[in-house]
Amino acid sequence: MRTTSRLDTRAVGQGALAGLAVIVPVTIGQEIVLAVVDDPCTDPVVVPIFVLILAGFALAGFRAARSTFGAPYPHGLLAGLAAFAAWLPLKVGKTAVFGGSFISDDCGADGGFLPAVIGGVTVALLAMGFGIVGSFLAVRRTRR
């Protein structure tokens, strides 16, 4: 007998909001920190910022998987992707208002269309992957 599970949009939304609760403050902090450092292109402070953003995507997946009764992995994936989709206008708006390249804030990238698309797709894939990681951690936690 085949069972089908429906998409729980409420769980995906809760997960995306939980992820954004981490990602948005980190993004704002990133802009403040990068404005203060001498060379934002080579400063090691960008690595922890990137790790915190990935942790936000994992938190989105974790929360979505905990909020749904079936199919935790697709819900985690979609919550990570939804957090990315909600975060993207913030990044694009920052670029439109303050200038700079979408990808690297003028750190050697030409800022053209193709690098922006490749960068956006890469971050979207990372968001989905870390959403699944978060849902995996939620499933492991509930099994204990």
Protein backbone atom coordinates (compact mmCIF):
# COMPACT_ATOMS: atom_id res chain seq x y z
CA MET A 1 0.00 0.00 0.00
CA ARG A 2 1.41 3.33 -1.03
CA THR A 3 0.99 6.26 1.30
CA THR A 4 1.29 9.81 0.11
CA SER A 5 2.16 12.73 2.28
CA ARG A 6 1.02 16.21 1.60
CA LEU A 7 3.13 19.26 1.78
CA ASP A 8 2.68 21.01 5.10
CA THR A 9 3.13 24.65 4.08
CA ARG A 10 2.79 25.76 7.68
CA ALA A 11 5.81 23.66 8.68
CA VAL A 12 7.81 24.96 5.73
CA GLY A 13 6.88 28.52 6.63
CA GLN A 14 7.79 28.04 10.28
CA GLY A 15 11.12 26.57 9.25
CA ALA A 16 11.85 29.41 6.84
CA LEU A 17 11.03 31.99 9.52
CA ALA A 18 13.28 30.22 12.02
CA GLY A 19 16.11 30.23 9.49
CA LEU A 20 15.54 33.89 8.67
CA ALA A 21 15.69 34.71 12.37
CA VAL A 22 19.37 33.73 12.16
CA ILE A 23 20.20 34.70 8.57
CA VAL A 24 18.88 38.28 8.55
CA PRO A 25 20.76 39.49 11.68
CA VAL A 26 23.91 37.76 10.45
CA THR A 27 23.56 39.49 7.06
CA ILE A 28 23.12 42.88 8.73
CA GLY A 29 26.10 42.15 10.99
CA GLN A 30 28.08 41.11 7.93
CA GLU A 31 27.55 44.50 6.33
CA ILE A 32 28.67 46.25 9.52
CA VAL A 33 31.74 44.05 9.94
CA LEU A 34 32.79 44.29 6.30
CA ALA A 35 32.48 48.07 6.44
CA VAL A 36 34.91 48.15 9.39
CA VAL A 37 37.63 45.71 8.25
CA ASP A 38 40.47 46.95 6.09
CA ASP A 39 40.27 44.41 3.28
CA PRO A 40 36.93 42.53 3.26
CA CYS A 41 38.10 40.39 0.35
CA THR A 42 40.84 38.62 2.30
CA ASP A 43 39.73 39.06 5.92
CA PRO A 44 39.07 35.71 7.66
CA VAL A 45 35.89 37.08 9.27
CA VAL A 46 33.84 36.08 6.21
CA VAL A 47 34.21 32.36 6.98
CA PRO A 48 32.33 32.40 10.31
CA ILE A 49 29.67 34.62 8.75
CA PHE A 50 29.21 32.10 5.94
CA VAL A 51 29.05 29.24 8.45
CA LEU A 52 26.36 31.08 10.44
CA ILE A 53 24.29 31.58 7.29
CA LEU A 54 24.57 27.87 6.50
CA ALA A 55 23.55 27.14 10.10
CA GLY A 56 20.47 29.29 9.51
CA PHE A 57 19.52 27.11 6.55
CA ALA A 58 20.04 24.01 8.71
CA LEU A 59 17.87 25.54 11.43
CA ALA A 60 15.14 26.12 8.84
CA GLY A 61 15.23 22.44 7.90
CA PHE A 62 15.34 21.37 11.54
CA ARG A 63 12.30 23.44 12.46
CA ALA A 64 10.32 22.32 9.43
CA ALA A 65 11.05 18.66 10.11
CA ARG A 66 10.03 19.03 13.74
CA SER A 67 6.79 20.79 12.73
CA THR A 68 5.56 18.17 10.29
CA PHE A 69 4.26 14.66 10.87
CA GLY A 70 5.39 13.11 7.61
CA ALA A 71 8.19 13.45 5.08
CA PRO A 72 10.68 15.49 7.13
CA TYR A 73 13.37 15.61 4.45
CA PRO A 74 11.34 17.28 1.69
CA HIS A 75 9.99 19.74 4.24
CA GLY A 76 13.51 20.54 5.42
CA LEU A 77 14.70 20.99 1.85
CA LEU A 78 11.81 23.31 1.03
CA ALA A 79 12.26 25.30 4.25
CA GLY A 80 15.93 25.90 3.42
CA LEU A 81 14.97 26.94 -0.10
CA ALA A 82 12.19 29.19 1.21
CA ALA A 83 14.60 30.87 3.63
CA PHE A 84 16.97 31.47 0.71
CA ALA A 85 14.14 32.82 -1.45
CA ALA A 86 13.14 35.24 1.30
CA TRP A 87 16.77 36.23 1.97
CA LEU A 88 17.63 36.87 -1.67
CA PRO A 89 15.67 40.14 -2.02
CA LEU A 90 17.55 41.44 1.02
CA LYS A 91 20.89 40.73 -0.67
CA VAL A 92 19.75 42.10 -4.03
CA GLY A 93 18.27 45.19 -2.34
CA LYS A 94 21.55 45.79 -0.52
CA THR A 95 23.38 45.61 -3.82
CA ALA A 96 20.92 48.01 -5.47
CA VAL A 97 21.08 50.53 -2.64
CA PHE A 98 24.72 50.39 -1.63
CA GLY A 99 26.30 49.13 -4.85
CA GLY A 100 28.92 46.45 -5.21
CA SER A 101 28.92 43.07 -6.82
CA PHE A 102 26.19 40.60 -5.85
CA ILE A 103 28.76 37.86 -5.48
CA SER A 104 31.84 39.25 -3.88
CA ASP A 105 31.36 42.96 -3.19
CA ASP A 106 34.02 43.83 -5.77
CA CYS A 107 36.57 41.26 -4.64
CA GLY A 108 37.85 40.33 -8.04
CA ALA A 109 34.61 39.14 -9.62
CA ASP A 110 33.41 41.04 -12.66
CA GLY A 111 29.88 41.21 -11.25
CA GLY A 112 28.31 40.12 -14.52
CA PHE A 113 25.09 38.26 -15.03
CA LEU A 114 26.54 34.77 -15.37
CA PRO A 115 28.62 34.87 -12.15
CA ALA A 116 25.58 36.20 -10.29
CA VAL A 117 23.43 33.34 -11.57
CA ILE A 118 26.08 30.75 -10.76
CA GLY A 119 26.52 32.22 -7.28
CA GLY A 120 22.77 32.32 -6.68
CA VAL A 121 22.26 28.73 -7.82
CA THR A 122 25.18 27.58 -5.68
CA VAL A 123 23.77 29.23 -2.56
CA ALA A 124 20.30 27.83 -3.34
CA LEU A 125 21.78 24.33 -3.56
CA LEU A 126 23.63 24.87 -0.29
CA ALA A 127 20.39 26.11 1.31
CA MET A 128 18.56 22.97 0.21
CA GLY A 129 21.41 20.72 1.30
CA PHE A 130 21.70 22.28 4.73
CA GLY A 131 17.92 22.19 5.05
CA ILE A 132 18.15 18.43 4.59
CA VAL A 133 20.99 18.28 7.13
CA GLY A 134 18.79 20.12 9.62
CA SER A 135 15.89 17.77 8.99
CA PHE A 136 18.24 14.80 9.42
CA LEU A 137 19.28 16.15 12.81
CA ALA A 138 15.62 16.62 13.77
CA VAL A 139 14.80 13.04 12.81
CA ARG A 140 17.76 11.73 14.79
CA ARG A 141 16.73 13.76 17.79
CA THR A 142 13.14 12.50 17.74
CA ARG A 143 14.28 8.87 17.49
CA ARG A 144 16.26 9.13 20.74
